[in-house]
Amino acid sequence: MKIQVKDFMSAPVITAKGENSVIEVRALMKDKGINAIPIISYSKDILDTEMIIHGIVTTTDMNKDVQESTTVEDVMTTSRVHVVHVNSSANAAAKMMLRHDVHHMVVMDEGNIVGMISSLDFVKLVAEYSLE
């Protein structure tokens, strides 16, 4: 059985912008029960509006000692945002997460964020599909 990313990803995805405060995004993550949020913006071209992923913010980033005025842009991870296609195999996604030593990946389809996967999603996947 070939399991694809779309079979176990979390959706819909909550996103934030870099100028959002850490305080409000921390509360949003707690309220929604999520551990990572992509940080995005939109380029406004006359012919097209394109989404740009600037980074990802995780609960680890949010647990840093911050002031009330600290923005998400100040604490987000920018160098390690990894993307996987919605139709990629679970095996390929797991290998990518291991190779890049990340715990969260953004799931894309046709230029849009459609989901997120995390190392916890893989634990749930193994628990659901008995390997015995």
C-alpha atoms as a PDB file:
ATOM      1  CA  MET A   1       0.000   0.000   0.000  1.00  0.00           C
ATOM      2  CA  LYS A   2       1.443   3.360  -1.045  1.00  0.00           C
ATOM      3  CA  ILE A   3       0.541   6.095   1.410  1.00  0.00           C
ATOM      4  CA  GLN A   4       0.750   9.636   0.102  1.00  0.00           C
ATOM      5  CA  VAL A   5       1.247  12.850   2.056  1.00  0.00           C
ATOM      6  CA  LYS A   6      -2.372  13.851   1.368  1.00  0.00           C
ATOM      7  CA  ASP A   7      -3.519  10.742   3.276  1.00  0.00           C
ATOM      8  CA  PHE A   8      -2.190  11.940   6.633  1.00  0.00           C
ATOM      9  CA  MET A   9      -1.420  15.665   6.420  1.00  0.00           C
ATOM     10  CA  SER A  10      -3.092  18.181   8.699  1.00  0.00           C
ATOM     11  CA  ALA A  11      -5.439  20.594   6.949  1.00  0.00           C
ATOM     12  CA  PRO A  12      -6.560  23.311   6.675  1.00  0.00           C
ATOM     13  CA  VAL A  13      -3.399  25.262   7.386  1.00  0.00           C
ATOM     14  CA  ILE A  14      -3.276  28.291   9.634  1.00  0.00           C
ATOM     15  CA  THR A  15      -0.786  30.883   8.369  1.00  0.00           C
ATOM     16  CA  ALA A  16       0.538  34.151   9.758  1.00  0.00           C
ATOM     17  CA  LYS A  17       2.438  37.164   8.536  1.00  0.00           C
ATOM     18  CA  GLY A  18       5.830  38.302   9.777  1.00  0.00           C
ATOM     19  CA  GLU A  19       4.422  41.448  11.320  1.00  0.00           C
ATOM     20  CA  ASN A  20       2.035  39.479  13.579  1.00  0.00           C
ATOM     21  CA  SER A  21       3.029  39.613  17.227  1.00  0.00           C
ATOM     22  CA  VAL A  22       4.453  36.556  18.949  1.00  0.00           C
ATOM     23  CA  ILE A  23       1.816  36.961  21.660  1.00  0.00           C
ATOM     24  CA  GLU A  24      -1.115  36.685  19.227  1.00  0.00           C
ATOM     25  CA  VAL A  25       0.401  33.837  17.203  1.00  0.00           C
ATOM     26  CA  ARG A  26       1.283  31.913  20.370  1.00  0.00           C
ATOM     27  CA  ALA A  27      -2.357  32.217  21.482  1.00  0.00           C
ATOM     28  CA  LEU A  28      -3.567  31.131  18.022  1.00  0.00           C
ATOM     29  CA  MET A  29      -1.327  28.053  18.077  1.00  0.00           C
ATOM     30  CA  LYS A  30      -2.542  27.116  21.544  1.00  0.00           C
ATOM     31  CA  ASP A  31      -6.190  27.671  20.593  1.00  0.00           C
ATOM     32  CA  LYS A  32      -5.896  25.574  17.409  1.00  0.00           C
ATOM     33  CA  GLY A  33      -3.676  22.898  18.992  1.00  0.00           C
ATOM     34  CA  ILE A  34      -0.947  23.245  16.378  1.00  0.00           C
ATOM     35  CA  ASN A  35       2.841  23.287  16.686  1.00  0.00           C
ATOM     36  CA  ALA A  36       3.941  25.104  13.517  1.00  0.00           C
ATOM     37  CA  ILE A  37       2.670  27.884  11.268  1.00  0.00           C
ATOM     38  CA  PRO A  38       4.046  28.967   7.876  1.00  0.00           C
ATOM     39  CA  ILE A  39       4.814  32.684   7.656  1.00  0.00           C
ATOM     40  CA  ILE A  40       3.655  34.059   4.320  1.00  0.00           C
ATOM     41  CA  SER A  41       3.071  37.170   2.270  1.00  0.00           C
ATOM     42  CA  TYR A  42       1.698  37.838  -1.174  1.00  0.00           C
ATOM     43  CA  SER A  43       3.485  39.552  -4.038  1.00  0.00           C
ATOM     44  CA  LYS A  44       1.132  41.835  -5.854  1.00  0.00           C
ATOM     45  CA  ASP A  45       1.975  41.825  -9.495  1.00  0.00           C
ATOM     46  CA  ILE A  46      -0.392  43.388 -11.998  1.00  0.00           C
ATOM     47  CA  LEU A  47      -0.921  40.021 -13.665  1.00  0.00           C
ATOM     48  CA  ASP A  48      -0.664  37.643 -10.727  1.00  0.00           C
ATOM     49  CA  THR A  49      -0.690  37.394  -6.957  1.00  0.00           C
ATOM     50  CA  GLU A  50       1.856  34.887  -5.737  1.00  0.00           C
ATOM     51  CA  MET A  51       2.160  33.492  -2.233  1.00  0.00           C
ATOM     52  CA  ILE A  52       5.664  33.597  -0.761  1.00  0.00           C
ATOM     53  CA  ILE A  53       6.705  31.471   2.211  1.00  0.00           C
ATOM     54  CA  HIS A  54       9.158  33.484   4.308  1.00  0.00           C
ATOM     55  CA  GLY A  55       9.621  31.066   7.150  1.00  0.00           C
ATOM     56  CA  ILE A  56       8.007  28.815   9.676  1.00  0.00           C
ATOM     57  CA  VAL A  57       7.381  29.443  13.336  1.00  0.00           C
ATOM     58  CA  THR A  58       7.141  26.569  15.800  1.00  0.00           C
ATOM     59  CA  THR A  59       6.251  26.179  19.455  1.00  0.00           C
ATOM     60  CA  THR A  60       9.998  26.037  20.144  1.00  0.00           C
ATOM     61  CA  ASP A  61      10.403  29.464  18.513  1.00  0.00           C
ATOM     62  CA  MET A  62       7.413  30.758  20.465  1.00  0.00           C
ATOM     63  CA  ASN A  63       8.823  29.611  23.797  1.00  0.00           C
ATOM     64  CA  LYS A  64      11.758  31.992  23.499  1.00  0.00           C
ATOM     65  CA  ASP A  65      11.799  34.837  25.991  1.00  0.00           C
ATOM     66  CA  VAL A  66      10.117  37.658  24.072  1.00  0.00           C
ATOM     67  CA  GLN A  67       8.732  41.092  24.728  1.00  0.00           C
ATOM     68  CA  GLU A  68       5.168  42.079  23.943  1.00  0.00           C
ATOM     69  CA  SER A  69       6.347  43.992  20.855  1.00  0.00           C
ATOM     70  CA  THR A  70       8.289  41.026  19.394  1.00  0.00           C
ATOM     71  CA  THR A  71       7.013  39.990  15.973  1.00  0.00           C
ATOM     72  CA  VAL A  72       6.944  36.533  14.458  1.00  0.00           C
ATOM     73  CA  GLU A  73       9.546  37.713  11.951  1.00  0.00           C
ATOM     74  CA  ASP A  74      11.959  38.194  14.876  1.00  0.00           C
ATOM     75  CA  VAL A  75      11.752  34.542  15.990  1.00  0.00           C
ATOM     76  CA  MET A  76      10.761  32.505  12.921  1.00  0.00           C
ATOM     77  CA  THR A  77      13.029  30.013  11.224  1.00  0.00           C
ATOM     78  CA  THR A  78      13.855  31.123   7.704  1.00  0.00           C
ATOM     79  CA  SER A  79      16.629  28.789   6.598  1.00  0.00           C
ATOM     80  CA  ARG A  80      14.853  25.491   7.135  1.00  0.00           C
ATOM     81  CA  VAL A  81      11.418  25.690   5.527  1.00  0.00           C
ATOM     82  CA  HIS A  82      10.950  22.510   3.552  1.00  0.00           C
ATOM     83  CA  VAL A  83       8.114  21.828   1.176  1.00  0.00           C
ATOM     84  CA  VAL A  84       6.652  18.559  -0.047  1.00  0.00           C
ATOM     85  CA  HIS A  85       4.059  17.932  -2.755  1.00  0.00           C
ATOM     86  CA  VAL A  86       0.652  16.678  -1.718  1.00  0.00           C
ATOM     87  CA  ASN A  87       1.057  13.552  -3.891  1.00  0.00           C
ATOM     88  CA  SER A  88       4.527  12.637  -2.601  1.00  0.00           C
ATOM     89  CA  SER A  89       4.835   9.302  -0.874  1.00  0.00           C
ATOM     90  CA  ALA A  90       5.001   9.139   2.911  1.00  0.00           C
ATOM     91  CA  ASN A  91       8.334   7.367   2.489  1.00  0.00           C
ATOM     92  CA  ALA A  92       9.813  10.225   0.424  1.00  0.00           C
ATOM     93  CA  ALA A  93       8.516  12.818   2.887  1.00  0.00           C
ATOM     94  CA  ALA A  94       9.967  10.933   5.866  1.00  0.00           C
ATOM     95  CA  LYS A  95      13.349  10.668   4.156  1.00  0.00           C
ATOM     96  CA  MET A  96      13.308  14.401   3.393  1.00  0.00           C
ATOM     97  CA  MET A  97      12.511  15.248   7.026  1.00  0.00           C
ATOM     98  CA  LEU A  98      15.348  13.006   8.218  1.00  0.00           C
ATOM     99  CA  ARG A  99      17.826  14.343   5.650  1.00  0.00           C
ATOM    100  CA  HIS A 100      17.106  17.961   6.617  1.00  0.00           C
ATOM    101  CA  ASP A 101      16.587  17.256  10.337  1.00  0.00           C
ATOM    102  CA  VAL A 102      13.206  19.039  10.489  1.00  0.00           C
ATOM    103  CA  HIS A 103      10.019  18.205  12.349  1.00  0.00           C
ATOM    104  CA  HIS A 104       7.522  20.102  10.158  1.00  0.00           C
ATOM    105  CA  MET A 105       7.025  20.453   6.415  1.00  0.00           C
ATOM    106  CA  VAL A 106       4.636  22.531   4.370  1.00  0.00           C
ATOM    107  CA  VAL A 107       2.490  20.578   1.898  1.00  0.00           C
ATOM    108  CA  MET A 108       1.919  22.288  -1.453  1.00  0.00           C
ATOM    109  CA  ASP A 109      -0.278  21.709  -4.493  1.00  0.00           C
ATOM    110  CA  GLU A 110      -0.283  23.977  -7.547  1.00  0.00           C
ATOM    111  CA  GLY A 111       1.466  26.798  -5.687  1.00  0.00           C
ATOM    112  CA  ASN A 112      -0.878  26.732  -2.698  1.00  0.00           C
ATOM    113  CA  ILE A 113      -0.333  25.567   0.857  1.00  0.00           C
ATOM    114  CA  VAL A 114      -2.784  22.707   1.366  1.00  0.00           C
ATOM    115  CA  GLY A 115      -1.469  21.062   4.516  1.00  0.00           C
ATOM    116  CA  MET A 116       1.295  20.479   7.014  1.00  0.00           C
ATOM    117  CA  ILE A 117       3.006  17.305   8.121  1.00  0.00           C
ATOM    118  CA  SER A 118       5.021  16.786  11.256  1.00  0.00           C
ATOM    119  CA  SER A 119       7.056  14.063  12.870  1.00  0.00           C
ATOM    120  CA  LEU A 120       4.045  13.494  15.133  1.00  0.00           C
ATOM    121  CA  ASP A 121       1.930  12.784  12.036  1.00  0.00           C
ATOM    122  CA  PHE A 122       4.330   9.944  11.203  1.00  0.00           C
ATOM    123  CA  VAL A 123       3.945   8.530  14.710  1.00  0.00           C
ATOM    124  CA  LYS A 124       0.153   8.613  14.264  1.00  0.00           C
ATOM    125  CA  LEU A 125       0.544   6.968  10.854  1.00  0.00           C
ATOM    126  CA  VAL A 126       2.574   4.088  12.295  1.00  0.00           C
ATOM    127  CA  ALA A 127       0.049   3.691  15.122  1.00  0.00           C
ATOM    128  CA  GLU A 128      -2.831   3.553  12.620  1.00  0.00           C
ATOM    129  CA  TYR A 129      -1.217   1.065  10.238  1.00  0.00           C
ATOM    130  CA  SER A 130      -0.004  -1.888  12.235  1.00  0.00           C
ATOM    131  CA  LEU A 131       3.484  -2.921  11.220  1.00  0.00           C
ATOM    132  CA  GLU A 132       3.184  -6.348  12.835  1.00  0.00           C
END
